[in-house]
Protein backbone atom coordinates (compact mmCIF):
# COMPACT_ATOMS: atom_id res chain seq x y z
CA MET A 1 0.00 0.00 0.00
CA LEU A 2 2.88 2.38 0.71
CA ILE A 3 4.28 1.79 -2.78
CA LEU A 4 0.96 2.81 -4.33
CA ALA A 5 0.84 5.87 -2.05
CA PHE A 6 4.38 6.83 -3.09
CA LEU A 7 3.42 6.53 -6.77
CA LEU A 8 0.31 8.66 -6.20
CA SER A 9 2.44 11.31 -4.48
CA THR A 10 5.00 11.29 -7.28
CA ILE A 11 2.27 11.65 -9.91
CA ALA A 12 0.71 14.51 -7.94
CA LEU A 13 4.12 16.20 -7.68
CA ILE A 14 4.64 15.92 -11.44
CA PHE A 15 1.13 17.25 -12.18
CA GLN A 16 1.63 20.07 -9.69
CA SER A 17 4.95 21.14 -11.18
CA ILE A 18 3.56 21.08 -14.73
CA PHE A 19 0.02 22.45 -14.33
CA LEU A 20 -0.10 24.32 -11.00
CA PRO A 21 3.40 25.57 -10.17
CA HIS A 22 2.12 28.51 -8.10
CA ILE A 23 0.11 26.38 -5.67
CA SER A 24 2.23 24.95 -2.88
CA ILE A 25 0.53 21.66 -2.12
CA LEU A 26 2.79 19.31 -0.19
CA ALA A 27 2.59 16.37 -2.57
CA PHE A 28 4.20 13.86 -0.22
CA SER A 29 2.24 14.79 2.91
CA PRO A 30 -0.51 12.12 2.49
CA PHE A 31 2.13 9.49 1.72
CA LEU A 32 4.09 10.46 4.81
CA ALA A 33 0.93 10.50 6.93
CA LEU A 34 0.20 6.98 5.70
CA ALA A 35 3.81 5.97 6.41
CA LEU A 36 3.37 7.27 9.96
CA LEU A 37 0.18 5.26 10.37
CA ARG A 38 1.35 2.00 8.82
CA GLY A 39 5.09 1.82 9.33
CA THR A 40 7.55 1.62 12.16
CA PHE A 41 9.36 4.65 13.53
CA HIS A 42 12.49 3.95 11.47
CA GLN A 43 10.52 3.33 8.29
CA ALA A 44 8.60 6.57 8.73
CA LEU A 45 11.82 8.53 9.26
CA TRP A 46 13.55 6.98 6.25
CA LEU A 47 10.55 7.49 3.98
CA SER A 48 10.30 11.09 5.19
CA CYS A 49 13.96 11.68 4.47
CA ILE A 50 13.70 10.12 0.99
CA SER A 51 10.61 12.18 0.16
CA GLY A 52 12.35 15.30 1.39
CA CYS A 53 15.39 14.52 -0.77
CA ILE A 54 13.13 14.25 -3.82
CA MET A 55 11.62 17.62 -2.95
CA ASP A 56 15.11 19.06 -2.45
CA LEU A 57 16.06 18.01 -5.97
CA ILE A 58 13.28 20.06 -7.55
CA SER A 59 13.19 23.08 -5.23
CA ASN A 60 15.26 26.27 -5.12
CA ASP A 61 15.91 25.94 -1.40
CA PRO A 62 19.26 24.80 0.01
CA MET A 63 19.86 21.06 -0.27
CA GLY A 64 18.59 19.10 2.70
CA VAL A 65 15.97 21.60 3.90
CA HIS A 66 12.98 19.51 2.90
CA ALA A 67 14.58 16.26 4.06
CA LEU A 68 15.29 17.75 7.48
CA ASN A 69 11.83 19.31 7.62
CA TYR A 70 9.92 16.13 6.75
CA THR A 71 12.05 13.99 9.05
CA LEU A 72 11.55 16.32 12.01
CA VAL A 73 7.79 16.50 11.44
CA ALA A 74 7.56 12.71 11.12
CA ALA A 75 9.52 12.25 14.34
CA ILE A 76 7.22 14.64 16.19
CA LEU A 77 3.96 13.25 14.79
CA PHE A 78 4.84 9.57 15.14
CA LYS A 79 3.52 9.31 18.69
CA THR A 80 0.17 10.79 17.64
CA ARG A 81 -0.53 7.90 15.30
CA ARG A 82 -2.34 5.96 17.99
CA HIS A 83 -5.15 8.53 17.75
CA PHE A 84 -5.72 7.79 14.05
CA LEU A 85 -6.86 4.76 12.05
CA TYR A 86 -5.04 4.11 8.79
CA ASP A 87 -8.11 2.71 7.02
CA GLU A 88 -10.32 5.74 7.77
CA PRO A 89 -10.17 8.37 4.99
CA PHE A 90 -11.02 11.22 7.36
CA HIS A 91 -8.21 10.25 9.73
CA LEU A 92 -5.70 10.17 6.87
CA SER A 93 -6.89 13.62 5.76
CA LEU A 94 -6.67 15.03 9.28
CA LEU A 95 -3.17 13.68 9.88
CA THR A 96 -2.14 15.04 6.48
CA ALA A 97 -3.41 18.48 7.47
CA PHE A 98 -1.45 18.29 10.76
CA PHE A 99 1.64 17.20 8.86
CA SER A 100 1.24 20.08 6.41
CA PHE A 101 0.72 22.63 9.19
CA LEU A 102 3.80 21.55 11.14
CA SER A 103 5.85 21.25 7.97
CA THR A 104 5.01 24.82 7.01
CA ILE A 105 6.08 26.08 10.43
CA PHE A 106 9.33 24.11 10.33
CA GLN A 107 10.02 25.20 6.76
CA VAL A 108 9.91 28.86 7.81
CA LEU A 109 12.12 28.19 10.84
CA ILE A 110 14.67 26.15 8.89
CA LEU A 111 14.86 28.73 6.10
CA PHE A 112 15.35 31.39 8.75
CA LEU A 113 18.32 29.38 10.07
CA PHE A 114 19.80 29.33 6.56
CA ASP A 115 19.42 33.14 6.51
CA ARG A 116 16.80 33.07 3.80
CA ARG A 117 14.38 35.95 3.86
CA VAL A 118 10.85 34.60 4.00
CA PRO A 119 8.30 37.35 3.35
CA VAL A 120 5.73 37.14 6.13
CA GLN A 121 2.60 39.08 5.30
CA GLY A 122 -0.86 38.80 6.83
CA ARG A 123 -2.43 37.26 3.74
CA TRP A 124 0.49 34.83 3.32
CA ALA A 125 0.27 33.70 6.94
CA ILE A 126 -3.44 32.99 6.72
CA ALA A 127 -3.12 31.23 3.37
CA ASP A 128 -0.06 29.11 4.11
CA PHE A 129 -0.55 28.38 7.79
CA PHE A 130 -4.26 27.69 7.76
CA GLY A 131 -5.51 27.44 4.19
CA MET A 132 -2.91 25.13 2.69
CA PRO A 133 -3.17 22.44 5.39
CA VAL A 134 -6.91 22.31 4.71
CA ILE A 135 -6.26 22.01 0.98
CA ASP A 136 -3.65 19.31 1.65
CA GLY A 137 -6.21 17.44 3.76
CA LEU A 138 -8.74 17.65 0.93
CA TYR A 139 -6.06 16.55 -1.52
CA ALA A 140 -5.39 13.51 0.69
CA PHE A 141 -9.08 12.71 0.85
CA VAL A 142 -9.67 12.94 -2.90
CA TRP A 143 -6.36 11.75 -4.37
CA PHE A 144 -5.40 9.12 -1.77
CA ALA A 145 -8.42 7.88 0.17
CA GLY A 146 -10.36 6.83 -2.92
CA PRO A 147 -7.62 4.90 -4.74
CA LEU A 148 -6.31 3.35 -1.50
CA ALA A 149 -9.81 2.27 -0.45
CA LEU A 150 -10.32 0.76 -3.90
CA TYR A 151 -6.96 -1.01 -3.63
CA SER A 152 -7.84 -2.41 -0.19
CA LYS A 153 -11.22 -3.64 -1.40
CA GLN A 154 -9.68 -5.30 -4.46
CA LYS A 155 -7.00 -6.94 -2.30
CA LYS A 156 -9.62 -8.30 0.11
CA MET A 157 -11.70 -9.64 -2.77
CA TRP A 158 -8.60 -11.24 -4.31
CA ASP A 159 -7.63 -12.87 -1.02
CA LEU A 160 -11.19 -14.09 -0.50
CA PHE A 161 -11.21 -15.54 -4.02
CA TRP A 162 -8.03 -17.54 -3.34
CA ILE A 163 -9.25 -18.72 0.05
CA LYS A 164 -12.49 -20.00 -1.49
CA ARG A 165 -10.55 -21.60 -4.30
CA LYS A 166 -8.26 -23.43 -1.85
CA ARG A 167 -11.26 -24.67 0.12
CA ALA A 168 -12.95 -25.85 -3.05
CA SER A 169 -9.83 -27.70 -4.18
CA ARG A 170 -9.48 -29.42 -0.76
CA THR A 171 -13.06 -30.62 -0.75
CA SER A 172 -12.89 -31.94 -4.32
CA HIS A 173 -10.00 -34.31 -3.51
C-alpha cells in the first residue's frame, strides 16, 4: 500500500509542477501521513527523508531543507498515530493536514536558520498556515483515500477468491 501511495504522491508532484506551479501543495504529505500510520518509527523517518530529498532536488531551497523538515515532522507526529486509524479516509486527511501545518512552520524556521528571507505578510500567513493544510487534507481525501480504499477492497476480494478456491480444491479431492 505504501508503494501505491508513493506513486500517487509522485504523480501529484509531477502534475503540480507542470500544471499548477504557483500552488504549494505538499505532494508527499498524504504518503508520509500513511507511512506514519502503517510503518515503524524507522521506516517513517527513512521514507520522510527520501521524500524530502526528492523535494530538495526540484526546489530552489538549500539542499537538505525539505529532508530535514519532513524527518523532524515525522519524528514529532509519530507518537500521535495511535489517535488515528489508517483505514479511515477522514483520519488520513486530518493527519495530512497536521503534517502540512507543522511542515510549514518548520520550513519557515529552517529557512530562517539558513538566513533566507521569508516574506511574512498577513495574507500569506493565513493562506499558508491555515488554508494550505486544509487544501492538503482535501487533496489527501480525494487523491489518496479513494484509490487506496479501492486497492484495499480489491486486495480483500482477491484474497477471498483464493481462500475459497483453496477450500474448493481441498473438498474436491
